[in-house]
C-alpha atoms as a PDB file:
ATOM      1  CA  MET A   1       3.390  -0.176  17.494  1.00  0.00           C
ATOM      2  CA  ARG A   2       3.126   2.591  14.560  1.00  0.00           C
ATOM      3  CA  LEU A   3       3.841   2.312  11.027  1.00  0.00           C
ATOM      4  CA  THR A   4       5.535   5.480   9.741  1.00  0.00           C
ATOM      5  CA  THR A   5       4.771   7.470   6.286  1.00  0.00           C
ATOM      6  CA  LYS A   6       7.483   5.553   4.761  1.00  0.00           C
ATOM      7  CA  GLY A   7       5.619   2.075   5.296  1.00  0.00           C
ATOM      8  CA  ARG A   8       2.243   3.529   4.550  1.00  0.00           C
ATOM      9  CA  PHE A   9       3.332   5.432   1.446  1.00  0.00           C
ATOM     10  CA  ALA A  10       5.242   2.498   0.056  1.00  0.00           C
ATOM     11  CA  VAL A  11       2.197   0.165   0.392  1.00  0.00           C
ATOM     12  CA  THR A  12       0.150   2.968  -1.211  1.00  0.00           C
ATOM     13  CA  ALA A  13       2.287   3.371  -4.093  1.00  0.00           C
ATOM     14  CA  MET A  14       2.694  -0.368  -4.587  1.00  0.00           C
ATOM     15  CA  ILE A  15      -1.003  -0.785  -4.874  1.00  0.00           C
ATOM     16  CA  ASP A  16      -1.296   2.294  -7.401  1.00  0.00           C
ATOM     17  CA  LEU A  17       1.556   0.663  -9.459  1.00  0.00           C
ATOM     18  CA  ALA A  18      -0.050  -2.905  -9.550  1.00  0.00           C
ATOM     19  CA  LEU A  19      -3.722  -0.986 -10.324  1.00  0.00           C
ATOM     20  CA  ASN A  20      -2.153   0.498 -13.190  1.00  0.00           C
ATOM     21  CA  ALA A  21       0.115  -1.830 -14.600  1.00  0.00           C
ATOM     22  CA  GLY A  22      -0.166  -2.252 -18.019  1.00  0.00           C
ATOM     23  CA  PRO A  23       1.921  -2.816 -21.359  1.00  0.00           C
ATOM     24  CA  GLU A  24       3.534   0.484 -20.648  1.00  0.00           C
ATOM     25  CA  PRO A  25       5.461   1.192 -17.452  1.00  0.00           C
ATOM     26  CA  VAL A  26       3.915   3.469 -14.728  1.00  0.00           C
ATOM     27  CA  THR A  27       5.642   6.636 -14.036  1.00  0.00           C
ATOM     28  CA  LEU A  28       6.538   7.852 -10.452  1.00  0.00           C
ATOM     29  CA  ALA A  29       5.101  11.246 -11.701  1.00  0.00           C
ATOM     30  CA  GLU A  30       1.692   9.324 -12.465  1.00  0.00           C
ATOM     31  CA  ILE A  31       1.733   7.730  -8.937  1.00  0.00           C
ATOM     32  CA  SER A  32       2.564  11.067  -7.223  1.00  0.00           C
ATOM     33  CA  GLY A  33      -0.337  12.794  -8.839  1.00  0.00           C
ATOM     34  CA  ARG A  34      -2.781  10.063  -7.908  1.00  0.00           C
ATOM     35  CA  GLN A  35      -1.811   9.761  -4.508  1.00  0.00           C
ATOM     36  CA  LYS A  36      -0.528  13.009  -3.735  1.00  0.00           C
ATOM     37  CA  ILE A  37       3.087  11.716  -2.552  1.00  0.00           C
ATOM     38  CA  SER A  38       5.884  13.931  -3.295  1.00  0.00           C
ATOM     39  CA  LEU A  39       7.993  12.737  -6.303  1.00  0.00           C
ATOM     40  CA  SER A  40      11.361  12.928  -4.655  1.00  0.00           C
ATOM     41  CA  TYR A  41       9.989  10.790  -1.675  1.00  0.00           C
ATOM     42  CA  LEU A  42       8.776   8.279  -4.428  1.00  0.00           C
ATOM     43  CA  GLU A  43      12.241   8.097  -6.027  1.00  0.00           C
ATOM     44  CA  GLN A  44      13.713   7.270  -2.743  1.00  0.00           C
ATOM     45  CA  LEU A  45      10.922   4.481  -1.890  1.00  0.00           C
ATOM     46  CA  PHE A  46      11.246   2.817  -5.437  1.00  0.00           C
ATOM     47  CA  GLY A  47      15.005   2.717  -5.203  1.00  0.00           C
ATOM     48  CA  LYS A  48      14.628   0.581  -2.195  1.00  0.00           C
ATOM     49  CA  LEU A  49      11.849  -1.510  -3.515  1.00  0.00           C
ATOM     50  CA  ARG A  50      13.892  -1.973  -6.746  1.00  0.00           C
ATOM     51  CA  ARG A  51      16.954  -3.121  -4.994  1.00  0.00           C
ATOM     52  CA  ASN A  52      14.756  -5.681  -2.948  1.00  0.00           C
ATOM     53  CA  GLY A  53      13.316  -7.020  -6.165  1.00  0.00           C
ATOM     54  CA  LEU A  54       9.727  -5.593  -5.953  1.00  0.00           C
ATOM     55  CA  VAL A  55       9.492  -3.446  -8.926  1.00  0.00           C
ATOM     56  CA  GLN A  56      11.397  -3.333 -12.273  1.00  0.00           C
ATOM     57  CA  SER A  57      12.560  -0.181 -13.792  1.00  0.00           C
ATOM     58  CA  VAL A  58      12.371   0.715 -17.312  1.00  0.00           C
ATOM     59  CA  ARG A  59      14.821   3.453 -18.583  1.00  0.00           C
ATOM     60  CA  GLY A  60      14.570   6.000 -21.313  1.00  0.00           C
ATOM     61  CA  PRO A  61      11.444   7.692 -22.854  1.00  0.00           C
ATOM     62  CA  GLY A  62       8.331   6.083 -21.870  1.00  0.00           C
ATOM     63  CA  GLY A  63      10.251   4.576 -18.971  1.00  0.00           C
ATOM     64  CA  GLY A  64       8.835   3.911 -15.477  1.00  0.00           C
ATOM     65  CA  TYR A  65       7.896   0.829 -13.257  1.00  0.00           C
ATOM     66  CA  ARG A  66       6.494  -2.428 -13.126  1.00  0.00           C
ATOM     67  CA  PRO A  67       5.916  -5.057 -10.528  1.00  0.00           C
ATOM     68  CA  ALA A  68       8.706  -7.465 -10.832  1.00  0.00           C
ATOM     69  CA  LYS A  69       6.888 -10.427  -9.089  1.00  0.00           C
ATOM     70  CA  SER A  70       3.350 -11.654  -9.177  1.00  0.00           C
ATOM     71  CA  LEU A  71       1.012  -9.706  -6.929  1.00  0.00           C
ATOM     72  CA  GLU A  72       0.101 -13.044  -5.389  1.00  0.00           C
ATOM     73  CA  THR A  73       3.593 -13.281  -3.855  1.00  0.00           C
ATOM     74  CA  VAL A  74       4.086  -9.786  -2.735  1.00  0.00           C
ATOM     75  CA  SER A  75       3.015  -9.412   0.852  1.00  0.00           C
ATOM     76  CA  VAL A  76       2.453  -6.065   2.708  1.00  0.00           C
ATOM     77  CA  ALA A  77       5.278  -7.286   4.987  1.00  0.00           C
ATOM     78  CA  ASP A  78       7.681  -7.702   2.034  1.00  0.00           C
ATOM     79  CA  ILE A  79       6.931  -4.069   0.907  1.00  0.00           C
ATOM     80  CA  ILE A  80       7.478  -2.610   4.517  1.00  0.00           C
ATOM     81  CA  ILE A  81      10.661  -4.592   5.020  1.00  0.00           C
ATOM     82  CA  ALA A  82      12.132  -3.486   1.747  1.00  0.00           C
ATOM     83  CA  VAL A  83      11.774   0.254   2.580  1.00  0.00           C
ATOM     84  CA  ASP A  84      13.537  -0.688   6.325  1.00  0.00           C
ATOM     85  CA  GLU A  85      10.444   0.133   7.997  1.00  0.00           C
ATOM     86  CA  PRO A  86      10.936  -1.371  11.536  1.00  0.00           C
ATOM     87  CA  ILE A  87       7.574  -3.240  12.811  1.00  0.00           C
ATOM     88  CA  ASP A  88       8.092  -3.256  16.572  1.00  0.00           C
ATOM     89  CA  ALA A  89       5.884  -2.524  19.418  1.00  0.00           C
ATOM     90  CA  THR A  90       8.830  -2.559  22.008  1.00  0.00           C
ATOM     91  CA  GLN A  91      10.332   0.240  23.412  1.00  0.00           C
ATOM     92  CA  CYS A  92      13.736  -1.271  23.012  1.00  0.00           C
ATOM     93  CA  ALA A  93      13.552  -2.128  19.468  1.00  0.00           C
ATOM     94  CA  GLY A  94      13.762  -5.950  20.621  1.00  0.00           C
ATOM     95  CA  LYS A  95      17.104  -5.455  22.425  1.00  0.00           C
ATOM     96  CA  GLU A  96      15.896  -6.397  25.874  1.00  0.00           C
ATOM     97  CA  ASN A  97      17.256  -3.323  27.371  1.00  0.00           C
ATOM     98  CA  CYS A  98      14.170  -1.715  28.087  1.00  0.00           C
ATOM     99  CA  ARG A  99      14.565  -1.212  31.965  1.00  0.00           C
ATOM    100  CA  ASP A 100      17.748  -0.624  33.470  1.00  0.00           C
ATOM    101  CA  GLU A 101      19.495  -2.286  30.618  1.00  0.00           C
ATOM    102  CA  ARG A 102      17.430  -5.517  31.310  1.00  0.00           C
ATOM    103  CA  LYS A 103      14.208  -6.829  29.569  1.00  0.00           C
ATOM    104  CA  CYS A 104      11.036  -5.051  30.986  1.00  0.00           C
ATOM    105  CA  ILE A 105       7.992  -7.097  32.567  1.00  0.00           C
ATOM    106  CA  THR A 106       6.169  -6.521  29.374  1.00  0.00           C
ATOM    107  CA  HIS A 107       8.840  -7.256  26.858  1.00  0.00           C
ATOM    108  CA  ASP A 108       7.392 -10.520  25.889  1.00  0.00           C
ATOM    109  CA  LEU A 109       4.050  -9.096  25.407  1.00  0.00           C
ATOM    110  CA  TRP A 110       5.133  -6.395  22.861  1.00  0.00           C
ATOM    111  CA  MET A 111       7.474  -9.096  21.235  1.00  0.00           C
ATOM    112  CA  SER A 112       4.173 -11.584  20.662  1.00  0.00           C
ATOM    113  CA  LEU A 113       2.124  -8.387  19.400  1.00  0.00           C
ATOM    114  CA  ASN A 114       5.023  -7.882  16.909  1.00  0.00           C
ATOM    115  CA  ASP A 115       5.203 -11.433  15.668  1.00  0.00           C
ATOM    116  CA  HIS A 116       1.084 -11.325  15.368  1.00  0.00           C
ATOM    117  CA  ILE A 117       1.398  -8.046  13.341  1.00  0.00           C
ATOM    118  CA  PHE A 118       4.015  -9.327  11.110  1.00  0.00           C
ATOM    119  CA  ASP A 119       2.108 -12.643  10.653  1.00  0.00           C
ATOM    120  CA  TYR A 120      -1.055 -10.473   9.493  1.00  0.00           C
ATOM    121  CA  LEU A 121       1.114  -8.356   7.307  1.00  0.00           C
ATOM    122  CA  ARG A 122       2.738 -11.341   5.804  1.00  0.00           C
ATOM    123  CA  ALA A 123      -0.542 -13.043   4.990  1.00  0.00           C
ATOM    124  CA  VAL A 124      -1.712  -9.917   3.270  1.00  0.00           C
ATOM    125  CA  THR A 125      -0.988  -9.865  -0.672  1.00  0.00           C
ATOM    126  CA  LEU A 126      -0.717  -7.173  -2.986  1.00  0.00           C
ATOM    127  CA  ALA A 127      -3.050  -9.166  -5.139  1.00  0.00           C
ATOM    128  CA  GLN A 128      -5.795  -8.973  -2.440  1.00  0.00           C
ATOM    129  CA  LEU A 129      -5.387  -5.088  -1.937  1.00  0.00           C
ATOM    130  CA  VAL A 130      -5.597  -4.609  -5.593  1.00  0.00           C
ATOM    131  CA  ALA A 131      -8.921  -6.806  -5.850  1.00  0.00           C
ATOM    132  CA  ARG A 132     -10.435  -4.894  -2.923  1.00  0.00           C
ATOM    133  CA  GLN A 133      -9.587  -1.476  -4.695  1.00  0.00           C
ATOM    134  CA  ARG A 134     -11.218  -3.018  -7.770  1.00  0.00           C
ATOM    135  CA  ALA A 135     -14.376  -4.003  -6.045  1.00  0.00           C
ATOM    136  CA  GLU A 136     -14.761  -0.851  -4.156  1.00  0.00           C
ATOM    137  CA  ALA A 137     -14.329   1.140  -7.476  1.00  0.00           C
ATOM    138  CA  ASP A 138     -16.979  -1.102  -9.036  1.00  0.00           C
ATOM    139  CA  GLU A 139     -19.382  -0.491  -5.856  1.00  0.00           C
ATOM    140  CA  THR A 140     -18.629   3.104  -6.527  1.00  0.00           C
ATOM    141  CA  LYS A 141     -19.636   2.723 -10.241  1.00  0.00           C
ATOM    142  CA  VAL A 142     -22.930   1.139  -9.331  1.00  0.00           C
ATOM    143  CA  MET A 143     -23.390   3.910  -6.608  1.00  0.00           C
ATOM    144  CA  GLU A 144     -23.136   6.537  -8.908  1.00  0.00           C
ATOM    145  CA  LEU A 145     -25.634   4.899 -11.297  1.00  0.00           C
ATOM    146  CA  LYS A 146     -28.095   4.574  -8.656  1.00  0.00           C
ATOM    147  CA  ASP A 147     -27.609   8.307  -7.746  1.00  0.00           C
ATOM    148  CA  GLN A 148     -28.215   9.476 -11.084  1.00  0.00           C
ATOM    149  CA  ARG A 149     -31.224   7.609 -11.510  1.00  0.00           C
ATOM    150  CA  GLN A 150     -32.504   8.956  -8.108  1.00  0.00           C
ATOM    151  CA  ARG A 151     -32.023  12.747  -9.497  1.00  0.00           C
ATOM    152  CA  ARG A 152     -34.079  12.320 -12.340  1.00  0.00           C
ATOM    153  CA  GLU A 153     -36.999  14.097 -11.806  1.00  0.00           C
ATOM    154  CA  SER A 154     -40.255  12.435 -12.697  1.00  0.00           C
ATOM    155  CA  PRO A 155     -42.106  13.845 -15.341  1.00  0.00           C
ATOM    156  CA  SER A 156     -45.052  16.218 -14.543  1.00  0.00           C
ATOM    157  CA  PRO A 157     -48.613  14.527 -14.767  1.00  0.00           C
ATOM    158  CA  LEU A 158     -50.190  15.572 -18.105  1.00  0.00           C
ATOM    159  CA  THR A 159     -53.106  17.574 -17.863  1.00  0.00           C
ATOM    160  CA  VAL A 160     -56.050  17.233 -20.124  1.00  0.00           C
END
């Protein structure tokens, strides 16, 4: 099972949008600059996210996007499904025609894995991912302060 760039970028962009949401909408150009995702690719992804009710667009000068739902109600699975990303570990895309037009002997194993992956992605919310990013940012700030203190040279002893 492999999550493609489309799914990864959609989740990344939604986290960025949620982290930077405020009174003013967030532009795709801002997300593009921060995340190094092409603007045209983001436009495609956000069209799908908007059609699936995950983001709200604001038109005109000062326009951009906002999350359309509470971050606690949006799961990673919701985002991946919205951009048409398949979550499938089977070779046959679940059609049961993997071996001579029949179900292969490991088909049920891979279908079970799909279920577990989907259950996990459904359990992880955008709010949790945003909280994790904010906590990591706070840790980095503390580490930077510690680093700055360590860089100070101790004063040379006074000579009399």
